[in-house]
Amino acid sequence: MADYSGIRNAFNLANWDKKYPQDVRDYKVESARHNLVIRGVKDLSGLLLCELETAYLHSAMWCDAVDCLKKRREFNKFSRNIQVVWVRGPSLSLHLGACETGGMHFWVGTGIAEHRADRFLQRIISQAKSDALMANGELELVPVSCELSSVSPNFDHIPVWRSSAHS
């Protein structure tokens, strides 16, 4: 586990227990459980459970520290800038959060379209679920033509789940 002692105050470790009531701290750590990518830039998959709990706590504290930055609030709340958010509601914002039918946040999941008999639903699923559906032949990459293709080849197709359970 990394040694954060040199930056303890930077992310509220020294005062975390005093800063918020227990229910608020629990909420912030639970949110970190959904946001922290275990197999991300830094692979945390080999951590012991107690070390992983510490990583969730540190992640919650870092998010809290960023949320408390004065200039960030001025930019987001008191300017005409358009902010990118994961919750619905703020004016002048672009909502990039989990879709209504998704169980994961977009930054740790894969966006797909679920084909039902009468409609398509947006879904955000885990990479493991996406891999399993692809391996079972239930997920098809449907080619599309899009202006965003020049940005990334990721925009050249839409993964469509044609599940027999929903047909």
Protein backbone atom coordinates (compact mmCIF):
# COMPACT_ATOMS: atom_id res chain seq x y z
CA MET A 1 0.00 0.00 0.00
CA ALA A 2 1.26 3.46 -0.81
CA ASP A 3 2.46 5.74 1.97
CA TYR A 4 0.23 8.82 2.08
CA SER A 5 1.69 10.27 5.29
CA GLY A 6 3.23 13.24 3.47
CA ILE A 7 -0.12 14.40 2.17
CA ARG A 8 -2.40 13.42 5.05
CA ASN A 9 -3.98 16.85 5.35
CA ALA A 10 -4.35 17.25 1.58
CA PHE A 11 -7.12 14.70 1.48
CA ASN A 12 -8.63 15.08 4.91
CA LEU A 13 -7.17 11.98 6.58
CA ALA A 14 -6.16 13.86 9.69
CA ASN A 15 -9.71 15.20 10.27
CA TRP A 16 -11.91 12.72 8.40
CA ASP A 17 -13.60 11.36 11.53
CA LYS A 18 -14.42 14.90 12.71
CA LYS A 19 -15.36 16.43 9.36
CA TYR A 20 -18.58 14.49 8.70
CA PRO A 21 -21.05 12.39 10.69
CA GLN A 22 -20.69 8.63 10.27
CA ASP A 23 -23.61 8.30 7.81
CA VAL A 24 -22.05 10.89 5.48
CA ARG A 25 -18.64 9.20 5.67
CA ASP A 26 -20.28 5.84 4.93
CA TYR A 27 -22.08 7.33 1.93
CA LYS A 28 -18.85 8.78 0.53
CA VAL A 29 -16.98 5.48 0.95
CA GLU A 30 -19.86 3.55 -0.64
CA SER A 31 -19.73 5.93 -3.60
CA ALA A 32 -15.98 5.27 -3.86
CA ARG A 33 -16.72 1.53 -4.06
CA HIS A 34 -18.62 2.21 -7.30
CA ASN A 35 -16.10 4.67 -8.72
CA LEU A 36 -12.70 3.18 -7.94
CA VAL A 37 -11.44 1.08 -10.85
CA ILE A 38 -9.78 -1.96 -9.24
CA ARG A 39 -7.95 -2.99 -12.42
CA GLY A 40 -7.20 0.53 -13.60
CA VAL A 41 -4.00 2.44 -14.20
CA LYS A 42 -2.89 1.04 -10.86
CA ASP A 43 -3.91 -2.61 -10.42
CA LEU A 44 -5.45 -3.04 -6.97
CA SER A 45 -6.76 -6.56 -7.58
CA GLY A 46 -4.00 -8.17 -5.49
CA LEU A 47 -4.76 -6.18 -2.35
CA LEU A 48 -5.91 -7.84 0.83
CA LEU A 49 -9.47 -6.94 1.85
CA CYS A 50 -8.24 -4.59 4.59
CA GLU A 51 -5.93 -2.86 2.07
CA LEU A 52 -8.78 -2.54 -0.42
CA GLU A 53 -10.97 -0.97 2.28
CA THR A 54 -8.18 1.55 2.89
CA ALA A 55 -8.04 2.26 -0.87
CA TYR A 56 -11.81 2.93 -0.89
CA LEU A 57 -11.43 5.28 2.07
CA HIS A 58 -8.58 7.15 0.39
CA SER A 59 -10.58 7.39 -2.84
CA ALA A 60 -13.53 8.87 -0.94
CA MET A 61 -11.24 11.40 0.71
CA TRP A 62 -9.66 12.42 -2.60
CA CYS A 63 -13.11 12.94 -4.15
CA ASP A 64 -14.12 14.99 -1.14
CA ALA A 65 -10.95 17.10 -1.38
CA VAL A 66 -11.59 17.83 -5.05
CA ASP A 67 -15.23 18.72 -4.33
CA CYS A 68 -14.04 21.23 -1.72
CA LEU A 69 -11.73 23.17 -4.04
CA LYS A 70 -12.88 26.78 -4.14
CA LYS A 71 -11.93 27.39 -7.80
CA ARG A 72 -13.76 24.21 -8.85
CA ARG A 73 -16.96 25.43 -7.22
CA GLU A 74 -16.57 28.87 -8.80
CA PHE A 75 -16.10 27.25 -12.21
CA ASN A 76 -19.01 24.84 -11.84
CA LYS A 77 -21.56 26.76 -9.84
CA PHE A 78 -20.97 30.45 -10.48
CA SER A 79 -19.97 30.78 -14.12
CA ARG A 80 -21.45 30.28 -17.56
CA ASN A 81 -19.17 27.28 -18.15
CA ILE A 82 -20.77 23.99 -19.07
CA GLN A 83 -19.76 21.32 -16.60
CA VAL A 84 -19.65 17.58 -17.14
CA VAL A 85 -21.55 15.85 -14.32
CA TRP A 86 -22.71 12.37 -13.38
CA VAL A 87 -25.87 13.47 -11.57
CA ARG A 88 -28.94 14.98 -13.17
CA GLY A 89 -30.00 18.45 -12.30
CA PRO A 90 -27.34 21.17 -12.43
CA SER A 91 -28.08 23.81 -15.03
CA LEU A 92 -25.47 24.33 -17.74
CA SER A 93 -24.31 20.77 -17.47
CA LEU A 94 -23.75 17.76 -19.68
CA HIS A 95 -24.96 14.63 -17.90
CA LEU A 96 -22.54 11.75 -18.43
CA GLY A 97 -23.59 9.59 -15.52
CA ALA A 98 -24.91 6.10 -15.51
CA CYS A 99 -27.90 5.71 -17.77
CA GLU A 100 -31.32 5.11 -16.26
CA THR A 101 -31.12 1.35 -16.74
CA GLY A 102 -27.40 1.01 -15.99
CA GLY A 103 -25.98 -0.42 -12.81
CA MET A 104 -22.49 1.01 -13.26
CA HIS A 105 -20.97 4.44 -13.82
CA PHE A 106 -19.83 5.05 -17.37
CA TRP A 107 -16.15 5.34 -16.44
CA VAL A 108 -15.96 1.79 -15.05
CA GLY A 109 -18.40 0.12 -17.42
CA THR A 110 -19.20 -0.50 -21.05
CA GLY A 111 -22.16 1.12 -22.77
CA ILE A 112 -24.42 -1.17 -24.78
CA ALA A 113 -27.90 -1.15 -26.28
CA GLU A 114 -30.15 -3.93 -25.04
CA HIS A 115 -32.55 -5.05 -27.76
CA ARG A 116 -35.99 -5.98 -26.54
CA ALA A 117 -38.88 -6.99 -28.76
CA ASP A 118 -40.35 -3.49 -28.85
CA ARG A 119 -37.43 -1.16 -28.05
CA PHE A 120 -33.78 -0.60 -27.24
CA LEU A 121 -32.59 0.23 -23.72
CA GLN A 122 -29.32 1.92 -22.81
CA ARG A 123 -27.24 -0.15 -20.41
CA ILE A 124 -23.90 0.23 -18.74
CA ILE A 125 -22.45 -3.14 -17.79
CA SER A 126 -19.16 -4.33 -16.35
CA GLN A 127 -16.33 -5.29 -18.66
CA ALA A 128 -16.61 -8.87 -17.35
CA LYS A 129 -20.31 -8.99 -18.30
CA SER A 130 -19.50 -7.53 -21.73
CA ASP A 131 -16.77 -10.13 -22.29
CA ALA A 132 -19.11 -12.95 -21.20
CA LEU A 133 -21.91 -11.78 -23.53
CA MET A 134 -19.42 -11.48 -26.40
CA ALA A 135 -18.05 -14.98 -25.71
CA ASN A 136 -21.60 -16.40 -25.68
CA GLY A 137 -22.46 -14.68 -28.96
CA GLU A 138 -25.12 -12.54 -27.27
CA LEU A 139 -23.36 -9.22 -27.91
CA GLU A 140 -23.00 -8.02 -31.49
CA LEU A 141 -20.92 -5.03 -32.62
CA VAL A 142 -23.26 -3.25 -35.05
CA PRO A 143 -21.37 -0.92 -37.43
CA VAL A 144 -22.55 2.69 -37.53
CA SER A 145 -21.54 5.75 -39.47
CA CYS A 146 -20.79 8.66 -37.18
CA GLU A 147 -18.92 11.98 -37.34
CA LEU A 148 -17.17 10.99 -34.12
CA SER A 149 -15.35 8.15 -35.91
CA SER A 150 -12.53 10.59 -36.61
CA VAL A 151 -12.06 10.98 -32.85
CA SER A 152 -11.85 7.27 -32.02
CA PRO A 153 -12.65 3.92 -33.63
CA ASN A 154 -14.81 3.26 -30.55
CA PHE A 155 -17.51 5.27 -32.31
CA ASP A 156 -17.54 2.96 -35.36
CA HIS A 157 -19.96 0.48 -33.75
CA ILE A 158 -22.60 0.06 -31.08
CA PRO A 159 -22.56 -3.11 -28.96
CA VAL A 160 -26.09 -4.56 -29.07
CA TRP A 161 -27.26 -7.26 -26.66
CA ARG A 162 -29.87 -9.46 -28.28
CA SER A 163 -30.69 -11.53 -25.23
CA SER A 164 -33.13 -14.39 -25.77
CA ALA A 165 -34.48 -13.72 -22.28
CA HIS A 166 -35.77 -10.34 -23.45
CA SER A 167 -36.94 -11.15 -26.97
